[in-house]
Amino acid sequence: MATPNKGFEGIIVYTIHKDGCLNGLYYATGNPAGPTYNEIARKIDERPKDLDGNYVCCWIDGDNNVVEGKMNISKITKNGTYDVKCEVKNKLDFIGTGFLLDNNMFTVHYTTPK
């Protein structure tokens, strides 16, 4: 399993709620202490039952700062995976490959763009 630039920096596991909101826990390999952090992503588009679309998201980083971003999820139909891109302050912050685990779990293997 590899992200588009063949790297690995972390993983996010989201619970998909009925309203389309994603509540995730993420682990970043850059922190050797290995804590998990929380992220919330709320869908901007009007398709709550479909993962594809645009989201506004917030997470708390390792320094306890709240970070706001925008995320896009788009399905790659040939293999059932999803492209995931997140921007912070209009700059691409991470890219990843997403996998739908069942009807209410979505996981993303991510890295920062090179």
N, C-alpha and C. Protein backbone atom coordinates (compact mmCIF):
# COMPACT_ATOMS: atom_id res chain seq x y z
N MET A 1 0.85 -1.16 0.00
CA MET A 1 0.00 0.00 0.00
C MET A 1 0.90 1.23 0.00
N ALA A 2 0.62 2.15 -0.89
CA ALA A 2 1.45 3.36 -0.94
C ALA A 2 0.63 4.53 -1.43
N THR A 3 0.98 5.68 -0.96
CA THR A 3 0.34 6.90 -1.41
C THR A 3 0.97 7.31 -2.73
N PRO A 4 0.45 8.33 -3.41
CA PRO A 4 0.95 8.67 -4.74
C PRO A 4 2.46 8.92 -4.82
N ASN A 5 3.09 9.41 -3.78
CA ASN A 5 4.55 9.63 -3.87
C ASN A 5 5.33 8.50 -3.19
N LYS A 6 4.69 7.37 -2.96
CA LYS A 6 5.31 6.16 -2.41
C LYS A 6 5.76 6.30 -0.96
N GLY A 7 5.32 7.32 -0.26
CA GLY A 7 5.71 7.51 1.12
C GLY A 7 4.61 7.11 2.08
N PHE A 8 4.91 7.14 3.35
CA PHE A 8 3.90 6.89 4.38
C PHE A 8 4.20 7.80 5.55
N GLU A 9 3.24 8.61 5.92
CA GLU A 9 3.42 9.49 7.07
C GLU A 9 2.34 9.32 8.12
N GLY A 10 1.28 8.62 7.79
CA GLY A 10 0.25 8.43 8.78
C GLY A 10 -0.99 7.76 8.23
N ILE A 11 -1.93 7.57 9.14
CA ILE A 11 -3.20 6.94 8.77
C ILE A 11 -4.31 7.61 9.57
N ILE A 12 -5.46 7.76 8.91
CA ILE A 12 -6.66 8.30 9.56
C ILE A 12 -7.75 7.25 9.42
N VAL A 13 -8.45 6.98 10.50
CA VAL A 13 -9.61 6.09 10.46
C VAL A 13 -10.82 6.93 10.85
N TYR A 14 -11.75 7.07 9.90
CA TYR A 14 -12.95 7.88 10.10
C TYR A 14 -14.16 6.99 10.36
N THR A 15 -15.03 7.46 11.23
CA THR A 15 -16.39 6.94 11.33
C THR A 15 -17.25 7.86 10.48
N ILE A 16 -18.05 7.28 9.59
CA ILE A 16 -18.93 8.06 8.72
C ILE A 16 -20.29 8.14 9.41
N HIS A 17 -20.73 9.35 9.70
CA HIS A 17 -22.03 9.53 10.35
C HIS A 17 -23.14 9.71 9.32
N LYS A 18 -24.37 9.54 9.73
CA LYS A 18 -25.52 9.59 8.83
C LYS A 18 -25.64 10.91 8.08
N ASP A 19 -25.18 12.00 8.69
CA ASP A 19 -25.27 13.30 8.03
C ASP A 19 -24.10 13.56 7.08
N GLY A 20 -23.21 12.57 6.91
CA GLY A 20 -22.07 12.71 6.03
C GLY A 20 -20.82 13.25 6.71
N CYS A 21 -20.91 13.59 8.00
CA CYS A 21 -19.76 14.08 8.75
C CYS A 21 -18.80 12.91 9.00
N LEU A 22 -17.50 13.20 8.90
CA LEU A 22 -16.47 12.20 9.19
C LEU A 22 -15.78 12.56 10.50
N ASN A 23 -15.73 11.63 11.42
CA ASN A 23 -15.05 11.83 12.70
C ASN A 23 -13.87 10.87 12.71
N GLY A 24 -12.65 11.43 12.68
CA GLY A 24 -11.49 10.58 12.51
C GLY A 24 -10.48 10.64 13.63
N LEU A 25 -9.73 9.56 13.76
CA LEU A 25 -8.55 9.51 14.62
C LEU A 25 -7.37 9.29 13.71
N TYR A 26 -6.32 10.09 13.90
CA TYR A 26 -5.16 9.93 13.03
C TYR A 26 -3.89 9.77 13.83
N TYR A 27 -2.97 9.06 13.20
CA TYR A 27 -1.64 8.83 13.75
C TYR A 27 -0.63 9.34 12.73
N ALA A 28 0.31 10.15 13.18
CA ALA A 28 1.35 10.68 12.31
C ALA A 28 2.69 10.09 12.72
N THR A 29 3.42 9.53 11.77
CA THR A 29 4.69 8.89 12.08
C THR A 29 5.76 9.89 12.50
N GLY A 30 5.53 11.18 12.24
CA GLY A 30 6.51 12.20 12.63
C GLY A 30 6.61 12.40 14.13
N ASN A 31 5.68 11.84 14.89
CA ASN A 31 5.70 11.98 16.34
C ASN A 31 6.06 10.62 16.95
N PRO A 32 7.30 10.44 17.41
CA PRO A 32 7.72 9.13 17.92
C PRO A 32 6.95 8.68 19.16
N ALA A 33 6.31 9.61 19.88
CA ALA A 33 5.54 9.21 21.06
C ALA A 33 4.30 8.43 20.65
N GLY A 34 3.86 8.62 19.40
CA GLY A 34 2.78 7.81 18.86
C GLY A 34 1.37 8.10 19.34
N PRO A 35 1.03 9.31 19.81
CA PRO A 35 -0.36 9.53 20.20
C PRO A 35 -1.26 9.62 18.97
N THR A 36 -2.54 9.43 19.19
CA THR A 36 -3.51 9.65 18.13
C THR A 36 -4.18 11.00 18.35
N TYR A 37 -4.63 11.60 17.27
CA TYR A 37 -5.26 12.91 17.32
C TYR A 37 -6.63 12.82 16.67
N ASN A 38 -7.48 13.81 16.93
CA ASN A 38 -8.83 13.81 16.41
C ASN A 38 -8.96 14.78 15.25
N GLU A 39 -9.78 14.40 14.26
CA GLU A 39 -10.11 15.28 13.13
C GLU A 39 -11.60 15.15 12.83
N ILE A 40 -12.21 16.26 12.50
CA ILE A 40 -13.62 16.29 12.10
C ILE A 40 -13.69 16.88 10.70
N ALA A 41 -14.45 16.25 9.81
CA ALA A 41 -14.66 16.77 8.46
C ALA A 41 -16.16 16.80 8.17
N ARG A 42 -16.65 17.98 7.82
CA ARG A 42 -18.07 18.13 7.50
C ARG A 42 -18.21 18.40 6.01
N LYS A 43 -19.11 17.66 5.39
CA LYS A 43 -19.31 17.76 3.94
C LYS A 43 -19.95 19.09 3.56
N ILE A 44 -19.38 19.72 2.56
CA ILE A 44 -19.91 20.98 2.03
C ILE A 44 -20.96 20.68 0.97
N ASP A 45 -20.74 19.65 0.16
CA ASP A 45 -21.64 19.28 -0.92
C ASP A 45 -22.94 18.70 -0.38
N GLU A 46 -23.93 18.62 -1.24
CA GLU A 46 -25.27 18.16 -0.85
C GLU A 46 -25.49 16.67 -1.03
N ARG A 47 -24.43 15.85 -0.93
CA ARG A 47 -24.59 14.40 -1.12
C ARG A 47 -24.11 13.66 0.13
N PRO A 48 -24.88 13.69 1.21
CA PRO A 48 -24.37 13.10 2.46
C PRO A 48 -24.15 11.60 2.43
N LYS A 49 -24.77 10.88 1.51
CA LYS A 49 -24.62 9.42 1.50
C LYS A 49 -23.49 8.96 0.59
N ASP A 50 -22.82 9.88 -0.07
CA ASP A 50 -21.74 9.56 -1.00
C ASP A 50 -20.47 10.23 -0.46
N LEU A 51 -19.36 9.50 -0.38
CA LEU A 51 -18.11 10.07 0.14
C LEU A 51 -17.52 11.13 -0.77
N ASP A 52 -17.71 10.98 -2.10
CA ASP A 52 -17.13 11.93 -3.04
C ASP A 52 -17.61 13.34 -2.71
N GLY A 53 -16.67 14.29 -2.74
CA GLY A 53 -17.06 15.67 -2.54
C GLY A 53 -16.05 16.48 -1.77
N ASN A 54 -16.49 17.66 -1.39
CA ASN A 54 -15.65 18.62 -0.68
C ASN A 54 -16.08 18.73 0.78
N TYR A 55 -15.08 18.90 1.64
CA TYR A 55 -15.31 18.95 3.08
C TYR A 55 -14.54 20.13 3.68
N VAL A 56 -15.05 20.65 4.77
CA VAL A 56 -14.28 21.55 5.62
C VAL A 56 -13.86 20.68 6.81
N CYS A 57 -12.61 20.83 7.26
CA CYS A 57 -12.14 19.96 8.33
C CYS A 57 -11.29 20.72 9.34
N CYS A 58 -11.23 20.18 10.53
CA CYS A 58 -10.43 20.74 11.62
C CYS A 58 -9.78 19.60 12.38
N TRP A 59 -8.55 19.85 12.84
CA TRP A 59 -7.89 18.87 13.68
C TRP A 59 -6.99 19.59 14.66
N ILE A 60 -6.57 18.88 15.68
CA ILE A 60 -5.67 19.42 16.69
C ILE A 60 -4.32 18.77 16.47
N ASP A 61 -3.29 19.60 16.26
CA ASP A 61 -1.96 19.05 15.97
C ASP A 61 -1.23 18.68 17.26
N GLY A 62 0.01 18.23 17.13
CA GLY A 62 0.80 17.78 18.28
C GLY A 62 1.13 18.87 19.27
N ASP A 63 1.02 20.14 18.85
CA ASP A 63 1.26 21.27 19.76
C ASP A 63 -0.03 21.83 20.32
N ASN A 64 -1.13 21.10 20.18
CA ASN A 64 -2.47 21.49 20.64
C ASN A 64 -3.01 22.72 19.94
N ASN A 65 -2.59 22.95 18.70
CA ASN A 65 -3.14 24.02 17.87
C ASN A 65 -4.26 23.46 17.02
N VAL A 66 -5.34 24.23 16.86
CA VAL A 66 -6.43 23.84 15.99
C VAL A 66 -6.07 24.27 14.57
N VAL A 67 -6.14 23.33 13.65
CA VAL A 67 -5.81 23.58 12.25
C VAL A 67 -7.08 23.40 11.43
N GLU A 68 -7.38 24.36 10.56
CA GLU A 68 -8.54 24.28 9.68
C GLU A 68 -8.08 24.04 8.26
N GLY A 69 -8.82 23.21 7.54
CA GLY A 69 -8.46 22.91 6.16
C GLY A 69 -9.68 22.58 5.32
N LYS A 70 -9.41 22.30 4.06
CA LYS A 70 -10.42 21.85 3.12
C LYS A 70 -9.95 20.53 2.54
N MET A 71 -10.87 19.59 2.42
CA MET A 71 -10.51 18.26 1.94
C MET A 71 -11.41 17.90 0.76
N ASN A 72 -10.83 17.18 -0.21
CA ASN A 72 -11.59 16.66 -1.33
C ASN A 72 -11.37 15.15 -1.39
N ILE A 73 -12.48 14.42 -1.55
CA ILE A 73 -12.44 12.97 -1.69
C ILE A 73 -13.05 12.63 -3.04
N SER A 74 -12.33 11.86 -3.85
CA SER A 74 -12.87 11.44 -5.14
C SER A 74 -12.55 9.96 -5.37
N LYS A 75 -13.56 9.22 -5.83
CA LYS A 75 -13.42 7.77 -5.99
C LYS A 75 -12.68 7.44 -7.28
N ILE A 76 -11.80 6.46 -7.18
CA ILE A 76 -11.12 5.88 -8.33
C ILE A 76 -11.86 4.58 -8.61
N THR A 77 -12.68 4.55 -9.63
CA THR A 77 -13.58 3.41 -9.82
C THR A 77 -12.89 2.12 -10.22
N LYS A 78 -11.72 2.17 -10.85
CA LYS A 78 -11.12 0.93 -11.34
C LYS A 78 -10.68 -0.02 -10.22
N ASN A 79 -10.33 0.52 -9.04
CA ASN A 79 -9.91 -0.38 -7.97
C ASN A 79 -10.63 -0.13 -6.64
N GLY A 80 -11.63 0.71 -6.65
CA GLY A 80 -12.44 0.93 -5.45
C GLY A 80 -11.82 1.81 -4.39
N THR A 81 -10.67 2.42 -4.69
CA THR A 81 -10.05 3.31 -3.72
C THR A 81 -10.46 4.75 -4.00
N TYR A 82 -10.04 5.64 -3.12
CA TYR A 82 -10.37 7.06 -3.23
C TYR A 82 -9.10 7.90 -3.17
N ASP A 83 -9.06 8.96 -3.96
CA ASP A 83 -8.02 9.98 -3.82
C ASP A 83 -8.48 10.96 -2.77
N VAL A 84 -7.58 11.33 -1.86
CA VAL A 84 -7.91 12.29 -0.81
C VAL A 84 -6.85 13.38 -0.83
N LYS A 85 -7.30 14.63 -0.87
CA LYS A 85 -6.38 15.77 -0.86
C LYS A 85 -6.88 16.76 0.18
N CYS A 86 -5.96 17.32 0.94
CA CYS A 86 -6.31 18.30 1.96
C CYS A 86 -5.44 19.54 1.79
N GLU A 87 -6.08 20.70 1.83
CA GLU A 87 -5.38 21.98 1.75
C GLU A 87 -5.52 22.73 3.07
N VAL A 88 -4.44 23.41 3.45
CA VAL A 88 -4.46 24.31 4.60
C VAL A 88 -3.94 25.65 4.09
N LYS A 89 -4.73 26.70 4.30
CA LYS A 89 -4.38 28.04 3.82
C LYS A 89 -4.06 28.02 2.32
N ASN A 90 -4.92 27.34 1.55
CA ASN A 90 -4.82 27.23 0.09
C ASN A 90 -3.54 26.57 -0.40
N LYS A 91 -2.89 25.77 0.43
CA LYS A 91 -1.69 25.04 0.04
C LYS A 91 -1.94 23.56 0.31
N LEU A 92 -1.58 22.72 -0.66
CA LEU A 92 -1.76 21.28 -0.50
C LEU A 92 -0.96 20.79 0.71
N ASP A 93 -1.65 20.19 1.69
CA ASP A 93 -1.01 19.78 2.94
C ASP A 93 -0.76 18.28 2.99
N PHE A 94 -1.72 17.48 2.51
CA PHE A 94 -1.48 16.05 2.42
C PHE A 94 -2.27 15.44 1.28
N ILE A 95 -1.77 14.31 0.81
CA ILE A 95 -2.44 13.51 -0.21
C ILE A 95 -2.50 12.09 0.31
N GLY A 96 -3.53 11.38 -0.12
CA GLY A 96 -3.63 10.01 0.37
C GLY A 96 -4.52 9.14 -0.47
N THR A 97 -4.55 7.88 -0.08
CA THR A 97 -5.40 6.88 -0.70
C THR A 97 -6.37 6.39 0.36
N GLY A 98 -7.66 6.46 0.03
CA GLY A 98 -8.71 6.07 0.97
C GLY A 98 -9.33 4.75 0.61
N PHE A 99 -9.78 4.04 1.65
CA PHE A 99 -10.40 2.73 1.50
C PHE A 99 -11.69 2.71 2.32
N LEU A 100 -12.79 2.36 1.69
CA LEU A 100 -14.06 2.22 2.39
C LEU A 100 -14.07 0.84 3.03
N LEU A 101 -14.13 0.78 4.37
CA LEU A 101 -14.05 -0.51 5.07
C LEU A 101 -15.40 -1.18 5.19
N ASP A 102 -16.43 -0.42 5.38
CA ASP A 102 -17.81 -0.91 5.39
C ASP A 102 -18.69 0.31 5.21
N ASN A 103 -19.93 0.24 5.60
CA ASN A 103 -20.82 1.37 5.38
C ASN A 103 -20.55 2.58 6.28
N ASN A 104 -19.78 2.39 7.34
CA ASN A 104 -19.56 3.54 8.23
C ASN A 104 -18.11 3.72 8.66
N MET A 105 -17.15 3.11 7.95
CA MET A 105 -15.73 3.28 8.26
C MET A 105 -14.96 3.59 6.98
N PHE A 106 -14.10 4.60 7.06
CA PHE A 106 -13.28 5.01 5.92
C PHE A 106 -11.89 5.29 6.45
N THR A 107 -10.87 4.72 5.83
CA THR A 107 -9.51 4.93 6.29
C THR A 107 -8.66 5.54 5.18
N VAL A 108 -7.73 6.41 5.55
CA VAL A 108 -6.87 7.08 4.59
C VAL A 108 -5.41 6.88 5.00
N HIS A 109 -4.63 6.41 4.07
CA HIS A 109 -3.19 6.25 4.19
C HIS A 109 -2.60 7.50 3.53
N TYR A 110 -1.89 8.35 4.26
CA TYR A 110 -1.51 9.65 3.70
C TYR A 110 -0.03 9.99 3.84
N THR A 111 0.36 10.98 3.07
CA THR A 111 1.70 11.55 3.11
C THR A 111 1.61 13.03 2.72
N THR A 112 2.68 13.74 2.90
CA THR A 112 2.71 15.12 2.43
C THR A 112 3.22 15.13 0.99
N PRO A 113 2.76 16.05 0.17
CA PRO A 113 3.21 16.08 -1.23
C PRO A 113 4.69 16.46 -1.31
N LYS A 114 5.38 15.90 -2.28
CA LYS A 114 6.81 16.18 -2.47
C LYS A 114 6.98 17.13 -3.63
